[in-house]
Amino acid sequence: MGGPPPVGGPHRGPPSQRYGPQYGPPPPPPPPEYGPQAESPVLMVYGLEPSRMNCDRVFNIFCLYGNVEKVKFMKSKPGAAMVEMGDGFAVDRAINHLNNTYMFDQKLNVCVSKQQAIMAGQSYELEDGSCSFKDFSGSRNNRFTTPEQASKNRIQHPSNVLHYFNAPPEVTEDAFCEVCDELCLKRPSAFKLFSGKSERSSSGLIEWDTKNDAMESLSLLNHYQMKNPSGPYPYTLKLCFSTVQHAA
């Protein structure tokens, strides 16, 4: 006589046909904290330092947690911006990892917006002269465009160590310090170059004294155009938070 298939055995037919009386009802759906914040793909972000932040720098942080479609600063609320993500999962990841973090002595408050999309509307000039609205939907710097690309991202909470990649092959700690000086950022406290991974570019670790310093550096250094010593096209430096606690 054929009994029920063993646990973990093959399932045939749609889910509604897999559960007979002997199996009980289908399992309940997962609790909401495991699903996307489906009510809106738009985030509200408060606590952005107006003198240091712009649309590109907001993108540089939020792109670690999902595709960023649009960024729009709010003229009526200084230090506030709307960020439209590619899907609800990205919204959920951004809130879980970035809410209540600090940057430029400001505490970030990241929450779901009631709006379903960002409309360009009337833009204005930010303190650095850039536009208050930017569309990133076609940006090559989005990191979740294909399943294969998305699988390479390690979703990490902010830390004081950044993993860098796509830097010039012979990049040095002095080169990073020069860029930090240029952008009025604190210099890193430790640096480690990974050897032998590629002849065309380099990767490694950069450590700062505090998590706040690393957050600030991520916002300004991510996607920075580094000079190419052997060609006309610069290297687009890419950064993300590291899984290790120290670079040295």
Protein backbone atom coordinates (compact mmCIF):
# COMPACT_ATOMS: atom_id res chain seq x y z
CA MET A 1 0.00 0.00 0.00
CA GLY A 2 1.22 3.44 -0.84
CA GLY A 3 1.36 5.72 2.19
CA PRO A 4 2.00 9.44 2.18
CA PRO A 5 5.34 10.53 0.72
CA PRO A 6 8.17 10.95 3.19
CA VAL A 7 8.82 14.39 4.61
CA GLY A 8 10.98 16.31 2.17
CA GLY A 9 9.89 14.10 -0.72
CA PRO A 10 8.77 15.47 -4.08
CA HIS A 11 5.59 17.51 -4.21
CA ARG A 12 3.30 17.33 -7.19
CA GLY A 13 0.38 19.49 -8.15
CA PRO A 14 -0.44 23.00 -7.04
CA PRO A 15 -0.21 23.86 -3.33
CA SER A 16 -3.96 23.50 -2.81
CA GLN A 17 -3.73 19.83 -3.83
CA ARG A 18 -0.69 18.98 -1.73
CA TYR A 19 -2.45 19.12 1.61
CA GLY A 20 -4.91 16.33 2.28
CA PRO A 21 -6.63 15.64 5.60
CA GLN A 22 -3.59 13.71 6.83
CA TYR A 23 -1.35 16.77 6.45
CA GLY A 24 -3.62 19.40 7.98
CA PRO A 25 -4.12 22.88 6.55
CA PRO A 26 -1.37 24.71 4.63
CA PRO A 27 1.17 26.53 6.80
CA PRO A 28 0.32 30.15 7.63
CA PRO A 29 2.04 32.95 5.71
CA PRO A 30 5.27 34.27 7.22
CA PRO A 31 4.93 37.09 9.75
CA PRO A 32 5.04 40.59 8.26
CA GLU A 33 8.56 41.38 9.47
CA TYR A 34 9.90 38.84 6.95
CA GLY A 35 8.02 40.25 3.98
CA PRO A 36 8.42 43.47 2.03
CA GLN A 37 6.97 46.70 3.32
CA ALA A 38 4.56 46.47 0.42
CA GLU A 39 2.46 49.49 1.34
CA SER A 40 4.96 51.77 -0.47
CA PRO A 41 8.34 51.60 -2.23
CA VAL A 42 9.10 55.14 -1.04
CA LEU A 43 11.14 56.00 2.06
CA MET A 44 11.16 59.20 4.08
CA VAL A 45 14.61 60.08 5.40
CA TYR A 46 15.10 62.73 8.08
CA GLY A 47 18.33 64.01 9.65
CA LEU A 48 20.39 64.60 6.49
CA GLU A 49 22.96 67.38 6.99
CA PRO A 50 21.95 70.01 4.36
CA SER A 51 25.48 71.36 3.92
CA ARG A 52 26.98 67.91 3.15
CA MET A 53 24.23 65.83 1.54
CA ASN A 54 22.79 65.79 -1.98
CA CYS A 55 20.94 63.28 -4.18
CA ASP A 56 24.09 61.41 -5.24
CA ARG A 57 25.31 61.05 -1.67
CA VAL A 58 21.94 59.72 -0.52
CA PHE A 59 22.09 57.23 -3.40
CA ASN A 60 25.60 56.16 -2.35
CA ILE A 61 24.25 54.93 0.99
CA PHE A 62 20.87 53.48 0.05
CA CYS A 63 22.14 51.59 -3.03
CA LEU A 64 23.71 49.06 -0.64
CA TYR A 65 20.24 47.80 0.26
CA GLY A 66 18.43 47.77 -3.10
CA ASN A 67 18.01 49.62 -6.36
CA VAL A 68 17.40 53.34 -5.94
CA GLU A 69 14.96 54.78 -8.46
CA LYS A 70 14.68 58.46 -7.44
CA VAL A 71 15.78 60.85 -4.71
CA LYS A 72 14.00 64.10 -3.90
CA PHE A 73 14.85 66.60 -1.17
CA MET A 74 11.97 68.41 0.55
CA LYS A 75 12.16 72.20 0.37
CA SER A 76 9.60 72.56 3.18
CA LYS A 77 11.61 70.24 5.48
CA PRO A 78 15.36 70.99 5.57
CA GLY A 79 17.39 67.81 5.99
CA ALA A 80 14.56 65.58 4.73
CA ALA A 81 14.42 63.58 1.50
CA MET A 82 12.24 60.99 -0.19
CA VAL A 83 13.95 57.92 -1.63
CA GLU A 84 12.06 55.66 -4.03
CA MET A 85 13.45 52.13 -3.97
CA GLY A 86 13.03 49.37 -6.56
CA ASP A 87 10.75 47.22 -4.39
CA GLY A 88 9.38 46.69 -0.90
CA PHE A 89 12.20 44.34 0.09
CA ALA A 90 14.71 47.16 -0.48
CA VAL A 91 12.56 49.47 1.67
CA ASP A 92 12.54 46.90 4.46
CA ARG A 93 16.32 46.35 4.29
CA ALA A 94 17.05 50.09 4.29
CA ILE A 95 14.88 50.71 7.36
CA ASN A 96 16.32 47.73 9.27
CA HIS A 97 19.93 48.75 8.60
CA LEU A 98 19.93 52.56 8.44
CA ASN A 99 17.26 53.82 10.82
CA ASN A 100 18.76 55.46 13.96
CA THR A 101 22.28 55.56 12.56
CA TYR A 102 24.38 58.75 12.75
CA MET A 103 26.08 60.79 10.06
CA PHE A 104 27.54 64.32 10.21
CA ASP A 105 26.36 64.54 13.84
CA GLN A 106 22.76 63.95 12.78
CA LYS A 107 20.59 60.96 13.67
CA LEU A 108 18.92 59.43 10.63
CA ASN A 109 15.23 58.59 10.83
CA VAL A 110 14.22 56.24 8.01
CA CYS A 111 10.58 55.20 7.61
CA VAL A 112 7.99 54.26 4.99
CA SER A 113 6.31 57.11 3.13
CA LYS A 114 2.58 57.25 2.50
CA GLN A 115 3.28 58.18 -1.11
CA GLN A 116 3.48 55.40 -3.70
CA ALA A 117 5.93 57.16 -6.01
CA ILE A 118 8.09 60.27 -6.26
CA MET A 119 6.98 62.91 -8.73
CA ALA A 120 9.70 65.25 -9.95
CA GLY A 121 7.61 68.37 -9.34
CA GLN A 122 9.38 71.70 -8.94
CA SER A 123 13.04 71.26 -8.06
CA TYR A 124 15.34 73.73 -6.36
CA GLU A 125 19.06 74.17 -5.73
CA LEU A 126 20.67 72.44 -2.75
CA GLU A 127 23.42 74.10 -0.71
CA ASP A 128 26.17 72.58 -2.89
CA GLY A 129 24.50 73.88 -6.06
CA SER A 130 23.14 70.52 -7.23
CA CYS A 131 19.49 69.79 -8.05
CA SER A 132 17.07 68.68 -5.31
CA PHE A 133 15.72 65.84 -7.53
CA LYS A 134 17.51 63.08 -9.43
CA ASP A 135 16.33 59.99 -11.32
CA PHE A 136 18.63 56.98 -10.82
CA SER A 137 16.44 54.38 -12.55
CA GLY A 138 18.96 53.94 -15.39
CA SER A 139 22.09 54.21 -13.24
CA ARG A 140 24.78 51.60 -13.81
CA ASN A 141 25.71 52.00 -10.15
CA ASN A 142 22.53 50.25 -8.98
CA ARG A 143 23.59 46.85 -7.65
CA PHE A 144 20.38 44.78 -7.71
CA THR A 145 19.47 45.00 -11.40
CA THR A 146 19.70 41.24 -12.11
CA PRO A 147 19.35 38.24 -9.75
CA GLU A 148 23.01 37.36 -10.41
CA GLN A 149 24.14 40.89 -9.56
CA ALA A 150 21.89 41.05 -6.49
CA SER A 151 23.29 37.77 -5.13
CA LYS A 152 26.78 39.30 -4.91
CA ASN A 153 25.68 41.94 -2.39
CA ARG A 154 26.31 41.25 1.28
CA ILE A 155 23.66 43.07 3.26
CA GLN A 156 25.44 44.45 6.34
CA HIS A 157 24.67 46.85 9.14
CA PRO A 158 26.87 49.97 9.10
CA SER A 159 30.32 49.40 10.59
CA ASN A 160 33.60 51.31 10.83
CA VAL A 161 35.23 49.14 8.13
CA LEU A 162 34.42 49.52 4.43
CA HIS A 163 35.21 46.96 1.75
CA TYR A 164 36.36 48.70 -1.43
CA PHE A 165 36.58 47.31 -4.96
CA ASN A 166 37.10 48.51 -8.53
CA ALA A 167 39.96 50.78 -7.46
CA PRO A 168 43.15 51.33 -9.51
CA PRO A 169 45.48 48.30 -9.27
CA GLU A 170 48.29 50.02 -7.37
CA VAL A 171 46.13 52.22 -5.13
CA THR A 172 47.73 53.18 -1.80
CA GLU A 173 46.58 54.37 1.58
CA ASP A 174 48.07 57.77 0.74
CA ALA A 175 45.82 58.00 -2.32
CA PHE A 176 42.74 57.43 -0.15
CA CYS A 177 43.97 59.97 2.39
CA GLU A 178 44.39 62.57 -0.37
CA VAL A 179 40.81 62.01 -1.54
CA CYS A 180 39.52 62.24 2.04
CA ASP A 181 41.38 65.54 2.49
CA GLU A 182 39.89 66.82 -0.77
CA LEU A 183 36.36 65.97 0.40
CA CYS A 184 36.89 67.20 3.98
CA LEU A 185 36.52 63.71 5.43
CA LYS A 186 38.43 62.17 8.30
CA ARG A 187 41.39 60.10 7.19
CA PRO A 188 41.16 56.30 7.59
CA SER A 189 42.96 54.70 10.54
CA ALA A 190 43.93 51.47 8.74
CA PHE A 191 44.15 50.15 5.19
CA LYS A 192 44.55 46.69 3.67
CA LEU A 193 45.06 45.86 -0.01
CA PHE A 194 43.94 42.39 -1.11
CA SER A 195 46.69 40.87 -3.24
CA GLY A 196 46.46 38.93 -6.47
CA LYS A 197 42.73 39.08 -7.16
CA SER A 198 42.90 41.00 -10.43
CA GLU A 199 45.47 42.85 -12.51
CA ARG A 200 42.89 45.29 -13.87
CA SER A 201 41.60 46.62 -10.53
CA SER A 202 42.16 46.26 -6.79
CA SER A 203 40.09 45.65 -3.69
CA GLY A 204 40.66 45.73 0.03
CA LEU A 205 39.55 47.19 3.34
CA ILE A 206 39.54 50.71 4.77
CA GLU A 207 38.97 51.29 8.48
CA TRP A 208 37.90 54.46 10.29
CA ASP A 209 37.87 55.18 14.01
CA THR A 210 34.06 55.21 14.25
CA LYS A 211 31.03 53.93 12.43
CA ASN A 212 29.91 57.55 11.89
CA ASP A 213 33.19 58.36 10.09
CA ALA A 214 32.72 55.33 7.82
CA MET A 215 29.10 56.31 7.05
CA GLU A 216 30.19 59.82 6.09
CA SER A 217 33.00 58.46 3.93
CA LEU A 218 30.66 56.01 2.23
CA SER A 219 28.28 58.82 1.28
CA LEU A 220 31.04 60.87 -0.38
CA LEU A 221 33.54 58.24 -1.57
CA ASN A 222 31.21 55.59 -3.00
CA HIS A 223 31.33 55.90 -6.83
CA TYR A 224 34.13 58.48 -6.61
CA GLN A 225 36.03 58.74 -9.91
CA MET A 226 39.65 57.74 -9.15
CA LYS A 227 42.37 58.67 -11.63
CA ASN A 228 43.56 55.94 -13.94
CA PRO A 229 47.38 56.03 -14.07
CA SER A 230 47.49 54.08 -17.35
CA GLY A 231 44.49 55.31 -19.34
CA PRO A 232 41.98 58.10 -19.98
CA TYR A 233 39.01 56.53 -18.21
CA PRO A 234 38.81 56.82 -14.40
CA TYR A 235 37.97 53.99 -12.03
CA THR A 236 34.55 54.21 -10.37
CA LEU A 237 35.40 53.30 -6.77
CA LYS A 238 32.78 51.07 -5.13
CA LEU A 239 32.26 50.64 -1.40
CA CYS A 240 30.12 48.60 0.99
CA PHE A 241 30.21 47.77 4.68
CA SER A 242 32.57 44.94 5.57
CA THR A 243 31.92 41.78 7.52
CA VAL A 244 35.24 42.11 9.41
CA GLN A 245 35.85 44.30 12.46
CA HIS A 246 39.35 45.52 11.61
CA ALA A 247 41.21 46.19 8.38
CA ALA A 248 44.72 45.50 9.70
